[in-house]
Amino acid sequence: MNVFRALKVIQFEHQPLNHQQVVITDLSGKPDAQLSALLTDCLSKIDIFGDLTKADRVADVIDDLHAMTPLPYDVLEEYQKILEQPIDRINVALHKGLIELVARPLV
């Protein structure tokens, strides 16, 4: 599974996730600030210029952002990478009010 697919399938009380409650962590549960910030930035642009619920593939999201925003290619490329980031599992941290996407280590 990757970040994009997780965001598509996870719901909280039958509603899409609040993107402010999603972080990326390593296998030990330590938040990855850089990847989490990139994901938050990407999702904020998608909220404004796209529709994650209507996209079937990461490429659909990137195409929408390319058509609707003046974002440079290198930024769109980073957004694509974060959405395609493989994850091992999803942890619901109720005490923190977060959904943790546990990313696989990059090799």
C-alpha atoms as a PDB file:
ATOM      1  CA  MET A   1       0.000   0.000   0.000  1.00  0.00           C
ATOM      2  CA  ASN A   2       1.150   3.567  -0.529  1.00  0.00           C
ATOM      3  CA  VAL A   3       0.201   6.919   1.008  1.00  0.00           C
ATOM      4  CA  PHE A   4      -2.278   7.744  -1.771  1.00  0.00           C
ATOM      5  CA  ARG A   5      -4.181   4.471  -1.391  1.00  0.00           C
ATOM      6  CA  ALA A   6      -4.245   4.818   2.402  1.00  0.00           C
ATOM      7  CA  LEU A   7      -5.692   8.332   2.161  1.00  0.00           C
ATOM      8  CA  LYS A   8      -8.353   7.030  -0.220  1.00  0.00           C
ATOM      9  CA  VAL A   9      -9.508   4.135   1.966  1.00  0.00           C
ATOM     10  CA  ILE A  10      -9.220   5.461   5.525  1.00  0.00           C
ATOM     11  CA  GLN A  11     -12.266   7.182   6.925  1.00  0.00           C
ATOM     12  CA  PHE A  12     -13.006   8.428  10.408  1.00  0.00           C
ATOM     13  CA  GLU A  13     -16.663   8.090  11.375  1.00  0.00           C
ATOM     14  CA  HIS A  14     -17.543   7.684   7.680  1.00  0.00           C
ATOM     15  CA  GLN A  15     -15.836  10.959   6.730  1.00  0.00           C
ATOM     16  CA  PRO A  16     -12.577  11.512   4.840  1.00  0.00           C
ATOM     17  CA  LEU A  17      -9.550  12.114   7.026  1.00  0.00           C
ATOM     18  CA  ASN A  18      -8.718  15.567   8.251  1.00  0.00           C
ATOM     19  CA  HIS A  19      -5.340  15.990   6.590  1.00  0.00           C
ATOM     20  CA  GLN A  20      -3.999  17.866   9.609  1.00  0.00           C
ATOM     21  CA  GLN A  21      -4.271  14.611  11.561  1.00  0.00           C
ATOM     22  CA  VAL A  22      -2.073  12.530   9.234  1.00  0.00           C
ATOM     23  CA  VAL A  23       1.655  12.106   9.861  1.00  0.00           C
ATOM     24  CA  ILE A  24       4.321   9.833   8.473  1.00  0.00           C
ATOM     25  CA  THR A  25       6.402   7.888  10.963  1.00  0.00           C
ATOM     26  CA  ASP A  26       9.234   5.397  10.868  1.00  0.00           C
ATOM     27  CA  LEU A  27       8.827   1.800  12.017  1.00  0.00           C
ATOM     28  CA  SER A  28       9.406   2.766  15.661  1.00  0.00           C
ATOM     29  CA  GLY A  29       6.645   5.383  15.579  1.00  0.00           C
ATOM     30  CA  LYS A  30       8.965   8.387  15.473  1.00  0.00           C
ATOM     31  CA  PRO A  31       7.419  11.098  13.261  1.00  0.00           C
ATOM     32  CA  ASP A  32       9.307  12.004  10.111  1.00  0.00           C
ATOM     33  CA  ALA A  33       8.989  15.789  10.168  1.00  0.00           C
ATOM     34  CA  GLN A  34      10.252  16.307   6.624  1.00  0.00           C
ATOM     35  CA  LEU A  35       7.946  13.764   4.980  1.00  0.00           C
ATOM     36  CA  SER A  36       5.000  14.826   7.150  1.00  0.00           C
ATOM     37  CA  ALA A  37       5.504  18.487   6.190  1.00  0.00           C
ATOM     38  CA  LEU A  38       5.717  17.565   2.510  1.00  0.00           C
ATOM     39  CA  LEU A  39       2.531  15.502   2.801  1.00  0.00           C
ATOM     40  CA  THR A  40       0.706  18.327   4.587  1.00  0.00           C
ATOM     41  CA  ASP A  41       1.780  20.803   1.898  1.00  0.00           C
ATOM     42  CA  CYS A  42       0.714  18.418  -0.865  1.00  0.00           C
ATOM     43  CA  LEU A  43      -2.671  17.719   0.716  1.00  0.00           C
ATOM     44  CA  SER A  44      -3.365  21.407   1.292  1.00  0.00           C
ATOM     45  CA  LYS A  45      -2.869  22.034  -2.433  1.00  0.00           C
ATOM     46  CA  ILE A  46      -5.082  19.067  -3.287  1.00  0.00           C
ATOM     47  CA  ASP A  47      -7.800  20.423  -0.971  1.00  0.00           C
ATOM     48  CA  ILE A  48      -7.759  23.732  -2.864  1.00  0.00           C
ATOM     49  CA  PHE A  49      -7.153  22.648  -6.451  1.00  0.00           C
ATOM     50  CA  GLY A  50      -8.126  18.990  -6.699  1.00  0.00           C
ATOM     51  CA  ASP A  51     -10.344  16.274  -5.372  1.00  0.00           C
ATOM     52  CA  LEU A  52      -8.698  13.226  -3.850  1.00  0.00           C
ATOM     53  CA  THR A  53     -11.987  11.326  -3.767  1.00  0.00           C
ATOM     54  CA  LYS A  54     -12.340  11.499  -7.556  1.00  0.00           C
ATOM     55  CA  ALA A  55      -8.764  10.524  -8.382  1.00  0.00           C
ATOM     56  CA  ASP A  56      -8.063   6.901  -9.242  1.00  0.00           C
ATOM     57  CA  ARG A  57      -4.288   7.214  -9.510  1.00  0.00           C
ATOM     58  CA  VAL A  58      -1.522   9.447  -8.230  1.00  0.00           C
ATOM     59  CA  ALA A  59      -1.017  10.626 -11.815  1.00  0.00           C
ATOM     60  CA  ASP A  60      -4.598  11.971 -11.831  1.00  0.00           C
ATOM     61  CA  VAL A  61      -3.854  14.145  -8.803  1.00  0.00           C
ATOM     62  CA  ILE A  62      -0.575  15.408 -10.254  1.00  0.00           C
ATOM     63  CA  ASP A  63      -2.242  16.150 -13.604  1.00  0.00           C
ATOM     64  CA  ASP A  64      -4.946  18.187 -11.839  1.00  0.00           C
ATOM     65  CA  LEU A  65      -2.357  20.157  -9.871  1.00  0.00           C
ATOM     66  CA  HIS A  66      -0.320  20.756 -13.030  1.00  0.00           C
ATOM     67  CA  ALA A  67      -3.393  22.081 -14.852  1.00  0.00           C
ATOM     68  CA  MET A  68      -4.719  24.221 -11.990  1.00  0.00           C
ATOM     69  CA  THR A  69      -1.593  25.642 -10.361  1.00  0.00           C
ATOM     70  CA  PRO A  70       1.636  27.340 -11.380  1.00  0.00           C
ATOM     71  CA  LEU A  71       3.631  24.846  -9.287  1.00  0.00           C
ATOM     72  CA  PRO A  72       6.995  24.026 -10.846  1.00  0.00           C
ATOM     73  CA  TYR A  73       7.727  20.543 -12.133  1.00  0.00           C
ATOM     74  CA  ASP A  74      10.160  19.719  -9.309  1.00  0.00           C
ATOM     75  CA  VAL A  75       7.486  20.445  -6.676  1.00  0.00           C
ATOM     76  CA  LEU A  76       4.949  18.276  -8.496  1.00  0.00           C
ATOM     77  CA  GLU A  77       7.569  15.550  -8.696  1.00  0.00           C
ATOM     78  CA  GLU A  78       8.052  15.680  -4.894  1.00  0.00           C
ATOM     79  CA  TYR A  79       4.279  15.546  -4.392  1.00  0.00           C
ATOM     80  CA  GLN A  80       4.141  12.475  -6.607  1.00  0.00           C
ATOM     81  CA  LYS A  81       6.916  10.819  -4.597  1.00  0.00           C
ATOM     82  CA  ILE A  82       5.200  11.411  -1.261  1.00  0.00           C
ATOM     83  CA  LEU A  83       1.858  10.094  -2.549  1.00  0.00           C
ATOM     84  CA  GLU A  84       3.586   7.002  -3.943  1.00  0.00           C
ATOM     85  CA  GLN A  85       5.609   6.446  -0.748  1.00  0.00           C
ATOM     86  CA  PRO A  86       5.129   2.804   0.314  1.00  0.00           C
ATOM     87  CA  ILE A  87       3.818   2.250   3.819  1.00  0.00           C
ATOM     88  CA  ASP A  88       3.939  -0.884   5.949  1.00  0.00           C
ATOM     89  CA  ARG A  89       1.000  -0.195   8.195  1.00  0.00           C
ATOM     90  CA  ILE A  90      -1.372   2.376   9.569  1.00  0.00           C
ATOM     91  CA  ASN A  91      -1.442   3.223  13.256  1.00  0.00           C
ATOM     92  CA  VAL A  92      -4.380   5.024  14.827  1.00  0.00           C
ATOM     93  CA  ALA A  93      -2.973   6.991  17.754  1.00  0.00           C
ATOM     94  CA  LEU A  94      -6.186   7.992  19.532  1.00  0.00           C
ATOM     95  CA  HIS A  95      -4.369   9.587  22.468  1.00  0.00           C
ATOM     96  CA  LYS A  96      -2.534  11.885  20.015  1.00  0.00           C
ATOM     97  CA  GLY A  97      -5.500  12.347  17.709  1.00  0.00           C
ATOM     98  CA  LEU A  98      -3.361  11.217  14.757  1.00  0.00           C
ATOM     99  CA  ILE A  99      -3.319   8.701  11.977  1.00  0.00           C
ATOM    100  CA  GLU A 100       0.258   7.531  11.544  1.00  0.00           C
ATOM    101  CA  LEU A 101       1.274   6.171   8.166  1.00  0.00           C
ATOM    102  CA  VAL A 102       4.269   3.969   8.929  1.00  0.00           C
ATOM    103  CA  ALA A 103       6.641   4.408   6.009  1.00  0.00           C
ATOM    104  CA  ARG A 104       9.043   1.822   4.761  1.00  0.00           C
ATOM    105  CA  PRO A 105      12.673   2.864   5.011  1.00  0.00           C
ATOM    106  CA  LEU A 106      14.083   4.257   1.799  1.00  0.00           C
ATOM    107  CA  VAL A 107      16.924   2.200   0.373  1.00  0.00           C
END
